[in-house]
Amino acid sequence: MEQKGTIQQNWFKERKWGVFVHYLASVQNKAGDIHNTAGQSTDWNSCVEELDTDLLAEQLAQINAGYLIFTVMQGTRYVCAPNETYDQLAGFSAGEAASRRDLIADLIRSLDKYDIPLFLYYTGDGPHLDPYAMKGLYGKETDITPAGDHVTPAFAEKWAAVMEEYALRYGDKIKGWWVDGLYPSIGYDDPELIKLYKDAARKGNPNALFSANYYGCFACNGREKEVAVPGIGNVIFADFYNTMPPSTPFCDFTAGEVVHLDAYPQGQILDGAQAHILSFLGIPKHPVEVYNGWGALGCKYSSSYLQKYVKQVNDLGGVVSLDVCMYRDGRIDEEQMEVLKNLVCLRENEYRILEK
């Protein structure tokens, strides 16, 4: 018997597709990075001040995006909104690691004008690349890795408390959370640790959708193939055709991270989770670096293929999130915008087959 979705899952299903954005100190504030239109690194607060949330929202409205997934942080010490819990636990002064500007609150205000819901991206490994931050959160300077130190209950409790402050602040304005890095290889084989994050998300909004990226993008039934490429190193190629990474018992929607848009769900609800696929539009700098298209320029799919793919997933009951390249000021790559405009009809129920 086919499983039925909850009210929240059915709401998400009807949104059909949305946009995912990597906004990070290591991207938009990195010297020489294509996303950094300033041309050089500045302090984090100056970077955050430059993001025009109205501009970003206007672009999403132009393409009729169903929602936005936006990164709070990833890897480094920097987060894009104030957080007293984080400052206290990690040992930072106000504005040192958590931006003074509440970028998330400003995003909510800008997106609300167009009825575009906001989801937040968070990670289970925290600011693991920053020794100082980890000393406060973990108890010693460490980098959480499969080969090194793993998460501990004490660390997970502290890091979930940081997430909880955000959840409580924004309440029902945050419609869902996509939490990355909850991998068994770094210690999240204990399901109670994953539950800490879902509980934190629900403190602010009991109806918030939650997804734990437990398998990453490597789950393809053992069909990965590692190949040594001269001048590049080992590259993992994977066949994701008709395959989706499975969800955890805590997921309201599947993490669904895949490298290529050629995976299809078997129905709307998979093991209790709304079928959801996440991948990138960008073109990796080198063709064999198949995993390095996140936030990259250009579109590796034709307009016709992308439109047909998203429609097929929608018809099967699934939702698709598409990662784009966003510059420091909030502009989205023009080529990607042109391709995404062809998805407008999918949410207007006026589907038409493109010629090319």
Protein backbone atom coordinates (compact mmCIF):
# COMPACT_ATOMS: atom_id res chain seq x y z
CA MET A 1 0.00 0.00 0.00
CA GLU A 2 1.36 3.42 -0.96
CA GLN A 3 2.24 5.60 2.01
CA LYS A 4 0.43 8.91 2.37
CA GLY A 5 2.20 12.13 3.18
CA THR A 6 1.56 14.36 6.17
CA ILE A 7 0.12 17.85 5.72
CA GLN A 8 3.66 19.29 5.83
CA GLN A 9 5.03 16.72 3.38
CA ASN A 10 2.18 17.34 0.95
CA TRP A 11 2.79 21.08 1.24
CA PHE A 12 6.44 20.53 0.32
CA LYS A 13 5.47 18.25 -2.57
CA GLU A 14 3.27 20.98 -4.03
CA ARG A 15 6.24 23.36 -4.05
CA LYS A 16 7.74 21.08 -6.76
CA TRP A 17 11.21 22.60 -7.00
CA GLY A 18 13.42 25.17 -5.33
CA VAL A 19 16.87 26.72 -5.20
CA PHE A 20 19.81 25.85 -2.97
CA VAL A 21 22.54 28.43 -2.30
CA HIS A 22 25.99 28.04 -0.76
CA TYR A 23 26.71 31.29 1.05
CA LEU A 24 29.93 30.89 3.04
CA ALA A 25 33.00 32.76 4.21
CA SER A 26 35.08 30.23 2.28
CA VAL A 27 33.18 31.06 -0.92
CA GLN A 28 31.83 34.63 -1.18
CA ASN A 29 34.63 36.02 1.01
CA LYS A 30 37.54 34.04 -0.40
CA ALA A 31 40.15 36.07 -2.29
CA GLY A 32 40.18 35.18 -5.98
CA ASP A 33 37.00 33.11 -5.83
CA ILE A 34 34.55 33.66 -8.71
CA HIS A 35 31.76 34.35 -6.21
CA ASN A 36 33.69 37.14 -4.50
CA THR A 37 32.98 40.24 -6.56
CA ALA A 38 34.95 42.32 -4.04
CA GLY A 39 38.10 40.73 -5.45
CA GLN A 40 39.67 40.25 -2.04
CA SER A 41 38.85 38.92 1.39
CA THR A 42 37.34 41.35 3.87
CA ASP A 43 36.17 40.85 7.41
CA TRP A 44 33.11 38.59 7.66
CA ASN A 45 30.76 41.35 8.80
CA SER A 46 31.56 43.48 5.76
CA CYS A 47 30.90 40.52 3.51
CA VAL A 48 27.53 39.77 5.08
CA GLU A 49 26.48 43.43 4.83
CA GLU A 50 26.98 43.32 1.05
CA LEU A 51 24.43 40.60 0.34
CA ASP A 52 21.30 42.22 -1.12
CA THR A 53 18.49 39.97 0.10
CA ASP A 54 15.88 41.90 -1.90
CA LEU A 55 17.85 41.27 -5.09
CA LEU A 56 18.12 37.57 -4.33
CA ALA A 57 14.40 37.32 -3.58
CA GLU A 58 13.49 39.21 -6.77
CA GLN A 59 15.47 36.74 -8.87
CA LEU A 60 13.84 33.76 -7.18
CA ALA A 61 10.44 35.32 -7.86
CA GLN A 62 11.33 35.75 -11.54
CA ILE A 63 11.92 32.01 -11.90
CA ASN A 64 8.97 31.13 -9.65
CA ALA A 65 11.13 29.08 -7.28
CA GLY A 66 9.10 27.11 -4.76
CA TYR A 67 11.48 27.75 -1.84
CA LEU A 68 15.08 28.61 -0.94
CA ILE A 69 17.56 26.48 1.02
CA PHE A 70 20.28 28.74 2.46
CA THR A 71 23.46 27.81 4.33
CA VAL A 72 23.90 29.01 7.91
CA MET A 73 27.51 27.79 7.92
CA GLN A 74 29.83 25.02 6.76
CA GLY A 75 33.19 23.98 8.13
CA THR A 76 34.62 27.33 9.26
CA ARG A 77 33.86 29.41 12.37
CA TYR A 78 31.62 31.83 10.50
CA VAL A 79 27.82 31.85 10.71
CA CYS A 80 25.52 34.35 8.99
CA ALA A 81 23.45 35.58 11.95
CA PRO A 82 24.10 36.49 15.60
CA ASN A 83 24.09 33.58 18.05
CA GLU A 84 24.83 34.13 21.74
CA THR A 85 24.88 30.40 22.45
CA TYR A 86 27.61 29.90 19.86
CA ASP A 87 29.65 32.83 21.14
CA GLN A 88 29.47 31.54 24.70
CA LEU A 89 30.25 27.89 23.95
CA ALA A 90 33.02 28.52 21.42
CA GLY A 91 34.55 31.50 23.20
CA PHE A 92 33.92 34.27 20.68
CA SER A 93 33.00 37.88 21.26
CA ALA A 94 29.89 39.25 19.54
CA GLY A 95 30.48 39.78 15.82
CA GLU A 96 33.75 37.83 15.77
CA ALA A 97 32.39 34.62 14.19
CA ALA A 98 28.63 35.14 14.12
CA SER A 99 27.83 38.14 11.92
CA ARG A 100 26.37 41.25 13.49
CA ARG A 101 23.79 41.48 10.73
CA ASP A 102 20.94 39.00 11.09
CA LEU A 103 21.07 37.88 7.49
CA ILE A 104 18.49 35.14 8.05
CA ALA A 105 15.92 37.62 9.39
CA ASP A 106 16.55 39.90 6.41
CA LEU A 107 16.17 36.95 4.04
CA ILE A 108 12.84 36.07 5.63
CA ARG A 109 11.55 39.63 5.16
CA SER A 110 12.66 39.74 1.52
CA LEU A 111 11.32 36.27 0.65
CA ASP A 112 7.98 36.86 2.38
CA LYS A 113 7.14 39.52 -0.22
CA TYR A 114 6.92 36.74 -2.81
CA ASP A 115 5.64 33.86 -0.67
CA ILE A 116 8.97 32.03 -0.97
CA PRO A 117 9.56 29.79 2.07
CA LEU A 118 13.01 29.49 3.65
CA PHE A 119 14.80 26.28 4.60
CA LEU A 120 18.15 26.37 6.42
CA TYR A 121 21.25 24.27 5.85
CA TYR A 122 23.31 23.27 8.89
CA THR A 123 26.06 20.71 9.48
CA GLY A 124 26.59 18.01 12.08
CA ASP A 125 30.37 18.43 12.13
CA GLY A 126 30.17 22.10 13.10
CA PRO A 127 33.12 24.49 12.59
CA HIS A 128 35.44 21.49 12.44
CA LEU A 129 38.06 23.32 10.36
CA ASP A 130 38.61 25.96 13.06
CA PRO A 131 40.79 24.77 15.98
CA TYR A 132 39.76 27.59 18.31
CA ALA A 133 36.03 27.09 17.83
CA MET A 134 36.40 23.33 18.24
CA LYS A 135 38.34 23.71 21.47
CA GLY A 136 35.32 25.37 23.02
CA LEU A 137 32.74 23.05 21.51
CA TYR A 138 34.65 19.77 21.63
CA GLY A 139 37.05 20.30 24.50
CA LYS A 140 40.23 20.26 22.44
CA GLU A 141 41.57 21.46 19.11
CA THR A 142 40.45 18.83 16.64
CA ASP A 143 39.12 18.25 13.15
CA ILE A 144 36.30 15.72 13.10
CA THR A 145 37.05 13.23 10.33
CA PRO A 146 36.41 9.55 9.60
CA ALA A 147 40.09 8.86 10.24
CA GLY A 148 40.47 11.13 13.27
CA ASP A 149 38.27 12.29 16.12
CA HIS A 150 34.54 11.64 15.96
CA VAL A 151 31.62 13.60 17.35
CA THR A 152 30.81 13.03 21.01
CA PRO A 153 27.46 13.38 22.81
CA ALA A 154 28.79 16.49 24.57
CA PHE A 155 29.78 18.11 21.26
CA ALA A 156 26.48 17.20 19.57
CA GLU A 157 24.49 18.62 22.48
CA LYS A 158 26.37 21.92 22.31
CA TRP A 159 26.15 22.21 18.55
CA ALA A 160 22.44 21.35 18.56
CA ALA A 161 21.95 24.10 21.18
CA VAL A 162 23.43 26.61 18.72
CA MET A 163 20.94 25.42 16.11
CA GLU A 164 18.12 25.64 18.64
CA GLU A 165 18.76 29.34 19.26
CA TYR A 166 18.17 29.99 15.57
CA ALA A 167 15.09 27.77 15.49
CA LEU A 168 13.54 29.57 18.46
CA ARG A 169 14.34 33.01 17.05
CA TYR A 170 12.75 32.49 13.64
CA GLY A 171 9.92 30.18 14.66
CA ASP A 172 7.55 29.10 11.92
CA LYS A 173 9.34 31.31 9.39
CA ILE A 174 11.80 28.44 8.91
CA LYS A 175 9.90 25.72 7.08
CA GLY A 176 12.61 23.08 7.14
CA TRP A 177 16.20 22.08 7.89
CA TRP A 178 18.66 20.14 5.73
CA VAL A 179 21.42 19.00 8.09
CA ASP A 180 24.59 17.85 6.35
CA GLY A 181 27.43 15.70 7.65
CA LEU A 182 25.42 13.45 9.96
CA TYR A 183 27.57 10.56 8.80
CA PRO A 184 28.11 7.30 10.67
CA SER A 185 31.78 7.55 9.71
CA ILE A 186 32.23 10.53 12.07
CA GLY A 187 30.14 9.18 14.94
CA TYR A 188 26.52 9.68 13.98
CA ASP A 189 25.91 5.94 13.93
CA ASP A 190 24.21 6.66 17.28
CA PRO A 191 20.67 7.69 16.25
CA GLU A 192 20.12 9.61 19.47
CA LEU A 193 22.70 12.15 18.31
CA ILE A 194 20.76 12.78 15.10
CA LYS A 195 17.58 13.18 17.12
CA LEU A 196 19.19 16.08 18.99
CA TYR A 197 19.12 18.15 15.79
CA LYS A 198 15.56 17.25 14.86
CA ASP A 199 14.43 18.15 18.38
CA ALA A 200 16.26 21.49 18.09
CA ALA A 201 14.57 22.26 14.77
CA ARG A 202 11.14 21.46 16.17
CA LYS A 203 11.63 23.73 19.21
CA GLY A 204 11.03 26.75 17.00
CA ASN A 205 8.49 25.25 14.63
CA PRO A 206 6.81 21.94 15.53
CA ASN A 207 5.86 21.57 11.87
CA ALA A 208 9.36 22.16 10.49
CA LEU A 209 10.49 19.54 7.99
CA PHE A 210 13.79 17.85 8.81
CA SER A 211 16.32 15.95 6.73
CA ALA A 212 19.54 14.30 7.90
CA ASN A 213 22.21 13.81 5.26
CA TYR A 214 23.37 10.48 6.68
CA TYR A 215 24.72 8.86 3.52
CA GLY A 216 26.12 11.84 1.64
CA CYS A 217 26.14 11.37 -2.12
CA PHE A 218 28.05 8.10 -2.12
CA ALA A 219 25.15 5.71 -1.53
CA CYS A 220 24.47 3.93 -4.79
CA ASN A 221 24.21 0.30 -3.79
CA GLY A 222 27.92 -0.34 -3.97
CA ARG A 223 28.22 0.80 -7.56
CA GLU A 224 30.87 3.43 -6.89
CA LYS A 225 34.00 3.11 -8.94
CA GLU A 226 37.24 4.82 -7.99
CA VAL A 227 39.48 5.60 -10.94
CA ALA A 228 43.02 7.01 -10.94
CA VAL A 229 43.10 9.95 -13.36
CA PRO A 230 46.54 11.29 -14.42
CA GLY A 231 47.15 14.79 -13.12
CA ILE A 232 43.98 14.73 -11.00
CA GLY A 233 44.22 11.81 -8.60
CA ASN A 234 41.55 9.35 -7.56
CA VAL A 235 38.07 10.26 -8.74
CA ILE A 236 34.90 8.48 -7.65
CA PHE A 237 32.38 7.93 -10.41
CA ALA A 238 28.94 6.74 -9.37
CA ASP A 239 25.87 5.48 -11.15
CA PHE A 240 22.82 7.02 -9.51
CA TYR A 241 20.35 6.01 -12.20
CA ASN A 242 17.02 5.11 -10.60
CA THR A 243 18.71 5.29 -7.20
CA MET A 244 18.29 7.68 -4.29
CA PRO A 245 20.30 7.72 -1.06
CA PRO A 246 18.04 6.28 1.65
CA SER A 247 16.66 8.37 4.48
CA THR A 248 17.04 7.97 8.24
CA PRO A 249 14.07 7.27 10.55
CA PHE A 250 14.21 10.95 11.52
CA CYS A 251 13.79 12.36 8.01
CA ASP A 252 10.60 14.10 6.94
CA PHE A 253 12.12 14.41 3.47
CA THR A 254 15.03 12.56 1.90
CA ALA A 255 18.40 14.32 1.80
CA GLY A 256 18.60 13.08 -1.77
CA GLU A 257 22.09 14.34 -2.57
CA VAL A 258 23.14 13.09 -6.00
CA VAL A 259 25.79 14.12 -8.48
CA HIS A 260 23.73 13.73 -11.65
CA LEU A 261 20.06 14.39 -12.19
CA ASP A 262 19.21 10.91 -13.37
CA ALA A 263 17.66 9.46 -10.20
CA TYR A 264 13.92 8.96 -9.91
CA PRO A 265 11.83 8.19 -6.80
CA GLN A 266 9.42 5.28 -6.83
CA GLY A 267 6.69 7.42 -5.27
CA GLN A 268 6.02 10.40 -3.05
CA ILE A 269 6.82 8.78 0.30
CA LEU A 270 9.94 6.63 0.72
CA ASP A 271 10.20 4.92 4.12
CA GLY A 272 8.13 7.68 5.64
CA ALA A 273 10.05 10.54 4.00
CA GLN A 274 8.94 12.88 1.23
CA ALA A 275 10.95 12.09 -1.90
CA HIS A 276 13.44 14.91 -2.49
CA ILE A 277 16.48 15.22 -4.75
CA LEU A 278 19.32 17.72 -4.37
CA SER A 279 22.03 18.36 -6.95
CA PHE A 280 23.94 21.16 -8.66
CA LEU A 281 23.60 22.92 -12.00
CA GLY A 282 27.21 24.12 -12.19
CA ILE A 283 29.88 22.68 -14.44
CA PRO A 284 33.02 21.35 -12.69
CA LYS A 285 36.24 23.01 -13.84
CA HIS A 286 37.56 19.63 -14.97
CA PRO A 287 35.11 17.13 -16.50
CA VAL A 288 36.26 14.22 -14.33
CA GLU A 289 35.88 16.17 -11.09
CA VAL A 290 32.25 15.15 -11.10
CA TYR A 291 31.61 16.16 -7.47
CA ASN A 292 32.93 19.71 -7.78
CA GLY A 293 30.03 21.47 -9.47
CA TRP A 294 28.49 22.84 -6.26
CA GLY A 295 28.13 26.60 -6.63
CA ALA A 296 29.93 26.53 -9.99
CA LEU A 297 29.10 28.62 -13.04
CA GLY A 298 27.04 27.47 -16.00
CA CYS A 299 24.57 24.65 -16.42
CA LYS A 300 25.56 21.10 -17.32
CA TYR A 301 22.01 20.33 -18.48
CA SER A 302 20.09 21.59 -21.48
CA SER A 303 16.94 23.56 -20.74
CA SER A 304 14.89 20.75 -22.25
CA TYR A 305 16.48 17.99 -20.17
CA LEU A 306 16.21 19.93 -16.92
CA GLN A 307 12.57 20.80 -17.50
CA LYS A 308 11.63 17.24 -18.43
CA TYR A 309 13.57 15.79 -15.49
CA VAL A 310 12.02 18.05 -12.87
CA LYS A 311 8.54 17.42 -14.30
CA GLN A 312 9.08 13.64 -14.24
CA VAL A 313 10.18 13.75 -10.61
CA ASN A 314 7.21 15.99 -9.75
CA ASP A 315 4.83 13.59 -11.52
CA LEU A 316 6.20 10.77 -9.39
CA GLY A 317 5.52 12.80 -6.25
CA GLY A 318 9.05 14.13 -5.68
CA VAL A 319 10.63 17.55 -5.14
CA VAL A 320 13.90 18.80 -6.68
CA SER A 321 16.37 21.30 -5.18
CA LEU A 322 18.87 22.88 -7.57
CA ASP A 323 22.15 24.38 -6.36
CA VAL A 324 23.16 27.60 -8.13
CA CYS A 325 26.12 29.97 -8.25
CA MET A 326 25.41 33.10 -6.21
CA TYR A 327 27.79 36.04 -6.10
CA ARG A 328 28.70 38.08 -3.03
CA ASP A 329 26.03 40.71 -3.73
CA GLY A 330 23.21 38.19 -4.24
CA ARG A 331 23.25 37.92 -8.03
CA ILE A 332 22.71 34.44 -9.49
CA ASP A 333 24.73 33.30 -12.51
CA GLU A 334 22.98 34.64 -15.63
CA GLU A 335 23.22 31.39 -17.58
CA GLN A 336 21.60 29.47 -14.74
CA MET A 337 18.86 32.10 -14.44
CA GLU A 338 18.01 31.69 -18.12
CA VAL A 339 17.74 27.92 -17.77
CA LEU A 340 15.68 28.15 -14.58
CA LYS A 341 13.17 30.48 -16.23
CA ASN A 342 12.04 27.44 -18.22
CA LEU A 343 10.86 25.83 -14.98
CA VAL A 344 8.37 28.61 -14.25
CA CYS A 345 5.63 26.71 -16.08
CA LEU A 346 5.98 23.68 -13.81
CA ARG A 347 4.58 25.57 -10.85
CA GLU A 348 1.98 27.30 -13.00
CA ASN A 349 0.72 23.96 -14.36
CA GLU A 350 1.37 25.14 -17.92
CA TYR A 351 3.97 22.58 -18.90
CA ARG A 352 5.24 22.75 -22.45
CA ILE A 353 7.94 20.65 -24.08
CA LEU A 354 10.97 22.70 -25.09
CA GLU A 355 12.46 22.20 -28.51
CA LYS A 356 16.03 22.13 -27.29
